[in-house]
Amino acid sequence: MSHSFRAAASSRRRFSLGGFERRLGVALCVLAFLFASAQTVLAHEFKLGDLEIGHPWSRATPSGAKVAGGYFTVTNTGSAPDRLLSITSDISAKAELHEMGVS
């Protein structure tokens, strides 16, 4: 009886990924990770005196879009108060500043 069980067990096909499927799976996982972490990788921090500009980023606009949004944080590490009064852009004729604060 144990002999027939061994024969049945050895005749079953084992599921395994071939070389191509395995490489494709790894490549897709790597691409998914890179896509998910792209914003974090591309965001940098800058320092100007006592001001720290953190994680500036913007999404690509759809073709034909006339406006875009960019985001960043400003942290004043100095003892004197400071205010951001204006903003300019190298890639557009006009830039506007909107503020959101946390108290």
C-alpha atoms as a PDB file:
ATOM      1  CA  MET A   1       0.000   0.000   0.000  1.00  0.00           C
ATOM      2  CA  SER A   2       2.792   2.431   0.780  1.00  0.00           C
ATOM      3  CA  HIS A   3       4.389   1.564  -2.550  1.00  0.00           C
ATOM      4  CA  SER A   4       1.291   2.663  -4.527  1.00  0.00           C
ATOM      5  CA  PHE A   5       1.137   5.889  -2.510  1.00  0.00           C
ATOM      6  CA  ARG A   6       4.732   6.698  -3.454  1.00  0.00           C
ATOM      7  CA  ALA A   7       3.979   6.064  -7.115  1.00  0.00           C
ATOM      8  CA  ALA A   8       0.957   8.379  -6.999  1.00  0.00           C
ATOM      9  CA  ALA A   9       2.901  11.082  -5.185  1.00  0.00           C
ATOM     10  CA  SER A  10       5.804  10.974  -7.628  1.00  0.00           C
ATOM     11  CA  SER A  11       3.499  11.195 -10.648  1.00  0.00           C
ATOM     12  CA  ARG A  12       2.044  14.545  -9.503  1.00  0.00           C
ATOM     13  CA  ARG A  13       3.416  17.610 -11.224  1.00  0.00           C
ATOM     14  CA  ARG A  14       5.002  20.159  -8.993  1.00  0.00           C
ATOM     15  CA  PHE A  15       4.263  23.787  -9.749  1.00  0.00           C
ATOM     16  CA  SER A  16       7.385  25.832 -10.262  1.00  0.00           C
ATOM     17  CA  LEU A  17       8.100  29.034 -12.074  1.00  0.00           C
ATOM     18  CA  GLY A  18      10.397  28.810 -15.028  1.00  0.00           C
ATOM     19  CA  GLY A  19      13.390  31.077 -15.389  1.00  0.00           C
ATOM     20  CA  PHE A  20      11.531  33.645 -17.486  1.00  0.00           C
ATOM     21  CA  GLU A  21       8.515  33.800 -15.184  1.00  0.00           C
ATOM     22  CA  ARG A  22      10.727  34.153 -12.123  1.00  0.00           C
ATOM     23  CA  ARG A  23      12.757  36.975 -13.715  1.00  0.00           C
ATOM     24  CA  LEU A  24       9.567  38.678 -14.869  1.00  0.00           C
ATOM     25  CA  GLY A  25       8.120  38.497 -11.356  1.00  0.00           C
ATOM     26  CA  VAL A  26      11.271  39.957  -9.834  1.00  0.00           C
ATOM     27  CA  ALA A  27      11.352  42.726 -12.449  1.00  0.00           C
ATOM     28  CA  LEU A  28       7.705  43.613 -11.795  1.00  0.00           C
ATOM     29  CA  CYS A  29       8.300  43.724  -8.041  1.00  0.00           C
ATOM     30  CA  VAL A  30      11.306  46.015  -8.521  1.00  0.00           C
ATOM     31  CA  LEU A  31       9.339  48.317 -10.852  1.00  0.00           C
ATOM     32  CA  ALA A  32       6.425  48.459  -8.410  1.00  0.00           C
ATOM     33  CA  PHE A  33       8.804  49.371  -5.586  1.00  0.00           C
ATOM     34  CA  LEU A  34      10.502  52.074  -7.673  1.00  0.00           C
ATOM     35  CA  PHE A  35       7.154  53.508  -8.759  1.00  0.00           C
ATOM     36  CA  ALA A  36       5.849  53.551  -5.187  1.00  0.00           C
ATOM     37  CA  SER A  37       8.970  55.180  -3.795  1.00  0.00           C
ATOM     38  CA  ALA A  38       9.660  57.646  -6.614  1.00  0.00           C
ATOM     39  CA  GLN A  39       8.216  60.643  -4.783  1.00  0.00           C
ATOM     40  CA  THR A  40      10.266  59.914  -1.698  1.00  0.00           C
ATOM     41  CA  VAL A  41      13.443  59.334  -3.681  1.00  0.00           C
ATOM     42  CA  LEU A  42      13.077  62.531  -5.682  1.00  0.00           C
ATOM     43  CA  ALA A  43      12.182  64.734  -2.708  1.00  0.00           C
ATOM     44  CA  HIS A  44      15.154  66.428  -1.073  1.00  0.00           C
ATOM     45  CA  GLU A  45      15.687  68.837   1.758  1.00  0.00           C
ATOM     46  CA  PHE A  46      17.410  72.173   1.316  1.00  0.00           C
ATOM     47  CA  LYS A  47      18.714  74.633   3.869  1.00  0.00           C
ATOM     48  CA  LEU A  48      18.976  78.404   3.445  1.00  0.00           C
ATOM     49  CA  GLY A  49      20.306  80.043   6.595  1.00  0.00           C
ATOM     50  CA  ASP A  50      17.957  79.064   9.416  1.00  0.00           C
ATOM     51  CA  LEU A  51      15.232  77.948   7.005  1.00  0.00           C
ATOM     52  CA  GLU A  52      14.809  74.297   6.052  1.00  0.00           C
ATOM     53  CA  ILE A  53      12.790  73.546   2.916  1.00  0.00           C
ATOM     54  CA  GLY A  54      11.575  69.992   3.169  1.00  0.00           C
ATOM     55  CA  HIS A  55      10.403  67.535   0.526  1.00  0.00           C
ATOM     56  CA  PRO A  56       9.517  69.810  -2.400  1.00  0.00           C
ATOM     57  CA  TRP A  57       7.546  67.903  -5.019  1.00  0.00           C
ATOM     58  CA  SER A  58       4.983  68.270  -7.778  1.00  0.00           C
ATOM     59  CA  ARG A  59       3.062  65.807  -9.914  1.00  0.00           C
ATOM     60  CA  ALA A  60       3.362  65.887 -13.676  1.00  0.00           C
ATOM     61  CA  THR A  61       0.427  67.708 -15.219  1.00  0.00           C
ATOM     62  CA  PRO A  62      -1.791  66.153 -17.877  1.00  0.00           C
ATOM     63  CA  SER A  63      -1.188  67.419 -21.398  1.00  0.00           C
ATOM     64  CA  GLY A  64      -3.001  70.670 -22.001  1.00  0.00           C
ATOM     65  CA  ALA A  65      -3.268  71.544 -18.298  1.00  0.00           C
ATOM     66  CA  LYS A  66      -2.766  75.234 -17.594  1.00  0.00           C
ATOM     67  CA  VAL A  67      -2.045  74.994 -13.865  1.00  0.00           C
ATOM     68  CA  ALA A  68      -0.005  72.777 -11.579  1.00  0.00           C
ATOM     69  CA  GLY A  69       0.596  72.517  -7.859  1.00  0.00           C
ATOM     70  CA  GLY A  70       3.808  72.103  -5.945  1.00  0.00           C
ATOM     71  CA  TYR A  71       4.239  71.329  -2.276  1.00  0.00           C
ATOM     72  CA  PHE A  72       6.953  71.801   0.326  1.00  0.00           C
ATOM     73  CA  THR A  73       7.388  72.595   4.003  1.00  0.00           C
ATOM     74  CA  VAL A  74       9.366  75.459   5.492  1.00  0.00           C
ATOM     75  CA  THR A  75      10.783  75.102   8.997  1.00  0.00           C
ATOM     76  CA  ASN A  76      12.456  78.013  10.757  1.00  0.00           C
ATOM     77  CA  THR A  77      15.174  76.637  13.051  1.00  0.00           C
ATOM     78  CA  GLY A  78      16.410  80.083  14.083  1.00  0.00           C
ATOM     79  CA  SER A  79      15.320  82.300  16.966  1.00  0.00           C
ATOM     80  CA  ALA A  80      14.123  85.220  14.790  1.00  0.00           C
ATOM     81  CA  PRO A  81      10.727  85.061  13.054  1.00  0.00           C
ATOM     82  CA  ASP A  82      10.747  84.902   9.265  1.00  0.00           C
ATOM     83  CA  ARG A  83       8.083  85.076   6.532  1.00  0.00           C
ATOM     84  CA  LEU A  84       7.913  83.774   2.992  1.00  0.00           C
ATOM     85  CA  LEU A  85       6.664  86.717   0.930  1.00  0.00           C
ATOM     86  CA  SER A  86       7.052  85.666  -2.700  1.00  0.00           C
ATOM     87  CA  ILE A  87       7.871  82.776  -4.976  1.00  0.00           C
ATOM     88  CA  THR A  88       9.259  82.521  -8.505  1.00  0.00           C
ATOM     89  CA  SER A  89       9.473  79.722 -11.021  1.00  0.00           C
ATOM     90  CA  ASP A  90      12.022  78.970 -13.721  1.00  0.00           C
ATOM     91  CA  ILE A  91       9.498  76.935 -15.732  1.00  0.00           C
ATOM     92  CA  SER A  92       6.411  79.166 -15.761  1.00  0.00           C
ATOM     93  CA  ALA A  93       5.592  82.810 -16.371  1.00  0.00           C
ATOM     94  CA  LYS A  94       3.525  83.051 -13.190  1.00  0.00           C
ATOM     95  CA  ALA A  95       3.733  81.454  -9.743  1.00  0.00           C
ATOM     96  CA  GLU A  96       1.380  81.920  -6.797  1.00  0.00           C
ATOM     97  CA  LEU A  97       1.944  81.202  -3.135  1.00  0.00           C
ATOM     98  CA  HIS A  98      -0.760  79.644  -0.976  1.00  0.00           C
ATOM     99  CA  GLU A  99      -0.267  78.963   2.704  1.00  0.00           C
ATOM    100  CA  MET A 100      -1.454  76.169   4.954  1.00  0.00           C
ATOM    101  CA  GLY A 101      -0.315  76.329   8.548  1.00  0.00           C
ATOM    102  CA  VAL A 102      -0.474  74.109  11.582  1.00  0.00           C
ATOM    103  CA  SER A 103      -0.636  75.685  15.023  1.00  0.00           C
END
